Amino acid sequence: MHPHVKEHIAFAYFSGKIAEQGQVDKSLFNEMLLEYKANGFTGLESILITEMKKDGLSLAQVIEAGRDQVVNLLYLRAYQALDFALVQGAISESTMIYGLLICKKTR
């Protein structure tokens, strides 16, 4: 199956699960992170950022995902998503800088 088709399926699946549940629970969040790590679908970045903006994904969930997940996203070159999140006010500048510093130290 072509990667673009897989991305559309993943986007539809996760969007549907969020609509069904009304929120992003811990297991769904972890499932999304694993899928993103495996495939790097930008559609999943979009879902996560949208959920953070509308408070469907709490700061506690993001923190619970842990520093390692932030580093993994940086390694997967999700800089545009982090920049967008910063511009939209979804994360603070200090969080962004912290993530970048951690990434630089661990490389």
C-alpha atoms as a PDB file:
ATOM      1  CA  MET A   1       0.000   0.000   0.000  1.00  0.00           C
ATOM      2  CA  HIS A   2       1.286   3.469  -0.870  1.00  0.00           C
ATOM      3  CA  PRO A   3       2.456   5.515   2.179  1.00  0.00           C
ATOM      4  CA  HIS A   4       0.044   8.352   1.348  1.00  0.00           C
ATOM      5  CA  VAL A   5      -2.879   5.947   1.503  1.00  0.00           C
ATOM      6  CA  LYS A   6      -1.625   4.613   4.856  1.00  0.00           C
ATOM      7  CA  GLU A   7      -1.419   8.175   6.169  1.00  0.00           C
ATOM      8  CA  HIS A   8      -5.013   8.914   5.141  1.00  0.00           C
ATOM      9  CA  ILE A   9      -6.168   5.709   6.816  1.00  0.00           C
ATOM     10  CA  ALA A  10      -4.255   6.533  10.012  1.00  0.00           C
ATOM     11  CA  PHE A  11      -5.664  10.084  10.015  1.00  0.00           C
ATOM     12  CA  ALA A  12      -9.230   8.802   9.544  1.00  0.00           C
ATOM     13  CA  TYR A  13      -8.763   6.118  12.199  1.00  0.00           C
ATOM     14  CA  PHE A  14      -7.429   8.438  14.887  1.00  0.00           C
ATOM     15  CA  SER A  15      -9.840  11.260  14.035  1.00  0.00           C
ATOM     16  CA  GLY A  16     -12.701   8.790  14.302  1.00  0.00           C
ATOM     17  CA  LYS A  17     -11.489   7.402  17.631  1.00  0.00           C
ATOM     18  CA  ILE A  18     -11.209  10.916  19.073  1.00  0.00           C
ATOM     19  CA  ALA A  19     -14.696  11.819  17.835  1.00  0.00           C
ATOM     20  CA  GLU A  20     -16.045   8.572  19.311  1.00  0.00           C
ATOM     21  CA  GLN A  21     -14.353   9.051  22.696  1.00  0.00           C
ATOM     22  CA  GLY A  22     -14.646  12.822  22.850  1.00  0.00           C
ATOM     23  CA  GLN A  23     -11.076  13.035  24.109  1.00  0.00           C
ATOM     24  CA  VAL A  24      -7.609  11.600  23.726  1.00  0.00           C
ATOM     25  CA  ASP A  25      -7.199   9.099  26.528  1.00  0.00           C
ATOM     26  CA  LYS A  26      -3.843   7.677  27.611  1.00  0.00           C
ATOM     27  CA  SER A  27      -4.001   4.532  25.478  1.00  0.00           C
ATOM     28  CA  LEU A  28      -5.067   6.412  22.341  1.00  0.00           C
ATOM     29  CA  PHE A  29      -2.358   9.010  22.905  1.00  0.00           C
ATOM     30  CA  ASN A  30       0.270   6.280  23.262  1.00  0.00           C
ATOM     31  CA  GLU A  31      -1.060   4.522  20.157  1.00  0.00           C
ATOM     32  CA  MET A  32      -0.774   7.785  18.199  1.00  0.00           C
ATOM     33  CA  LEU A  33       2.786   8.360  19.413  1.00  0.00           C
ATOM     34  CA  LEU A  34       3.810   4.821  18.433  1.00  0.00           C
ATOM     35  CA  GLU A  35       2.260   5.237  14.983  1.00  0.00           C
ATOM     36  CA  TYR A  36       3.971   8.590  14.552  1.00  0.00           C
ATOM     37  CA  LYS A  37       7.319   7.147  15.623  1.00  0.00           C
ATOM     38  CA  ALA A  38       6.946   4.265  13.188  1.00  0.00           C
ATOM     39  CA  ASN A  39       5.779   6.275  10.173  1.00  0.00           C
ATOM     40  CA  GLY A  40       6.229  10.003  10.829  1.00  0.00           C
ATOM     41  CA  PHE A  41       2.818  10.877   9.388  1.00  0.00           C
ATOM     42  CA  THR A  42       2.326  14.646   9.415  1.00  0.00           C
ATOM     43  CA  GLY A  43      -1.425  14.075   9.644  1.00  0.00           C
ATOM     44  CA  LEU A  44      -0.879  12.801  13.179  1.00  0.00           C
ATOM     45  CA  GLU A  45       1.056  15.950  14.048  1.00  0.00           C
ATOM     46  CA  SER A  46      -1.954  17.909  12.873  1.00  0.00           C
ATOM     47  CA  ILE A  47      -4.339  15.882  15.043  1.00  0.00           C
ATOM     48  CA  LEU A  48      -2.187  16.282  18.148  1.00  0.00           C
ATOM     49  CA  ILE A  49      -1.751  20.019  17.663  1.00  0.00           C
ATOM     50  CA  THR A  50      -5.477  20.468  17.010  1.00  0.00           C
ATOM     51  CA  GLU A  51      -6.320  18.514  20.153  1.00  0.00           C
ATOM     52  CA  MET A  52      -3.880  20.565  22.222  1.00  0.00           C
ATOM     53  CA  LYS A  53      -5.415  23.803  20.890  1.00  0.00           C
ATOM     54  CA  LYS A  54      -8.968  22.770  21.795  1.00  0.00           C
ATOM     55  CA  ASP A  55      -7.946  21.231  25.137  1.00  0.00           C
ATOM     56  CA  GLY A  56      -8.775  17.708  23.960  1.00  0.00           C
ATOM     57  CA  LEU A  57      -5.228  16.768  24.918  1.00  0.00           C
ATOM     58  CA  SER A  58      -4.114  18.026  28.287  1.00  0.00           C
ATOM     59  CA  LEU A  59      -0.739  19.354  29.274  1.00  0.00           C
ATOM     60  CA  ALA A  60      -0.609  16.543  31.830  1.00  0.00           C
ATOM     61  CA  GLN A  61      -0.868  13.973  29.019  1.00  0.00           C
ATOM     62  CA  VAL A  62       1.921  15.659  27.102  1.00  0.00           C
ATOM     63  CA  ILE A  63       4.098  15.780  30.210  1.00  0.00           C
ATOM     64  CA  GLU A  64       3.231  12.170  31.031  1.00  0.00           C
ATOM     65  CA  ALA A  65       4.453  11.147  27.570  1.00  0.00           C
ATOM     66  CA  GLY A  66       7.736  12.360  28.925  1.00  0.00           C
ATOM     67  CA  ARG A  67      10.860  14.075  27.838  1.00  0.00           C
ATOM     68  CA  ASP A  68      11.877  11.043  25.795  1.00  0.00           C
ATOM     69  CA  GLN A  69       8.827  11.444  23.570  1.00  0.00           C
ATOM     70  CA  VAL A  70       9.701  15.112  22.963  1.00  0.00           C
ATOM     71  CA  VAL A  71      13.232  14.060  22.027  1.00  0.00           C
ATOM     72  CA  ASN A  72      11.848  11.336  19.741  1.00  0.00           C
ATOM     73  CA  LEU A  73       9.632  13.861  17.971  1.00  0.00           C
ATOM     74  CA  LEU A  74      12.634  16.111  17.493  1.00  0.00           C
ATOM     75  CA  TYR A  75      14.670  13.211  16.119  1.00  0.00           C
ATOM     76  CA  LEU A  76      11.830  12.474  13.722  1.00  0.00           C
ATOM     77  CA  ARG A  77      12.192  16.023  12.434  1.00  0.00           C
ATOM     78  CA  ALA A  78       8.916  17.329  13.761  1.00  0.00           C
ATOM     79  CA  TYR A  79      10.421  20.814  13.971  1.00  0.00           C
ATOM     80  CA  GLN A  80       7.612  22.326  11.926  1.00  0.00           C
ATOM     81  CA  ALA A  81       5.004  20.901  14.297  1.00  0.00           C
ATOM     82  CA  LEU A  82       6.875  22.240  17.311  1.00  0.00           C
ATOM     83  CA  ASP A  83       7.267  25.635  15.671  1.00  0.00           C
ATOM     84  CA  PHE A  84       3.563  25.700  14.807  1.00  0.00           C
ATOM     85  CA  ALA A  85       2.696  24.688  18.382  1.00  0.00           C
ATOM     86  CA  LEU A  86       4.897  27.507  19.671  1.00  0.00           C
ATOM     87  CA  VAL A  87       3.297  30.080  17.351  1.00  0.00           C
ATOM     88  CA  GLN A  88      -0.197  28.882  18.323  1.00  0.00           C
ATOM     89  CA  GLY A  89       0.631  29.095  22.024  1.00  0.00           C
ATOM     90  CA  ALA A  90       0.254  25.338  22.555  1.00  0.00           C
ATOM     91  CA  ILE A  91       3.701  25.157  24.150  1.00  0.00           C
ATOM     92  CA  SER A  92       5.870  27.763  25.797  1.00  0.00           C
ATOM     93  CA  GLU A  93       9.110  29.054  24.360  1.00  0.00           C
ATOM     94  CA  SER A  94      11.003  27.650  27.343  1.00  0.00           C
ATOM     95  CA  THR A  95       9.558  24.164  26.658  1.00  0.00           C
ATOM     96  CA  MET A  96      10.652  24.428  23.035  1.00  0.00           C
ATOM     97  CA  ILE A  97      14.162  25.528  24.036  1.00  0.00           C
ATOM     98  CA  TYR A  98      14.346  22.763  26.665  1.00  0.00           C
ATOM     99  CA  GLY A  99      13.385  20.170  24.062  1.00  0.00           C
ATOM    100  CA  LEU A 100      15.981  21.458  21.623  1.00  0.00           C
ATOM    101  CA  LEU A 101      18.700  21.483  24.287  1.00  0.00           C
ATOM    102  CA  ILE A 102      17.898  17.927  25.325  1.00  0.00           C
ATOM    103  CA  CYS A 103      17.978  16.856  21.684  1.00  0.00           C
ATOM    104  CA  LYS A 104      21.349  18.529  21.146  1.00  0.00           C
ATOM    105  CA  LYS A 105      22.835  16.941  24.293  1.00  0.00           C
ATOM    106  CA  THR A 106      21.722  13.429  23.380  1.00  0.00           C
ATOM    107  CA  ARG A 107      22.945  13.484  19.793  1.00  0.00           C
END
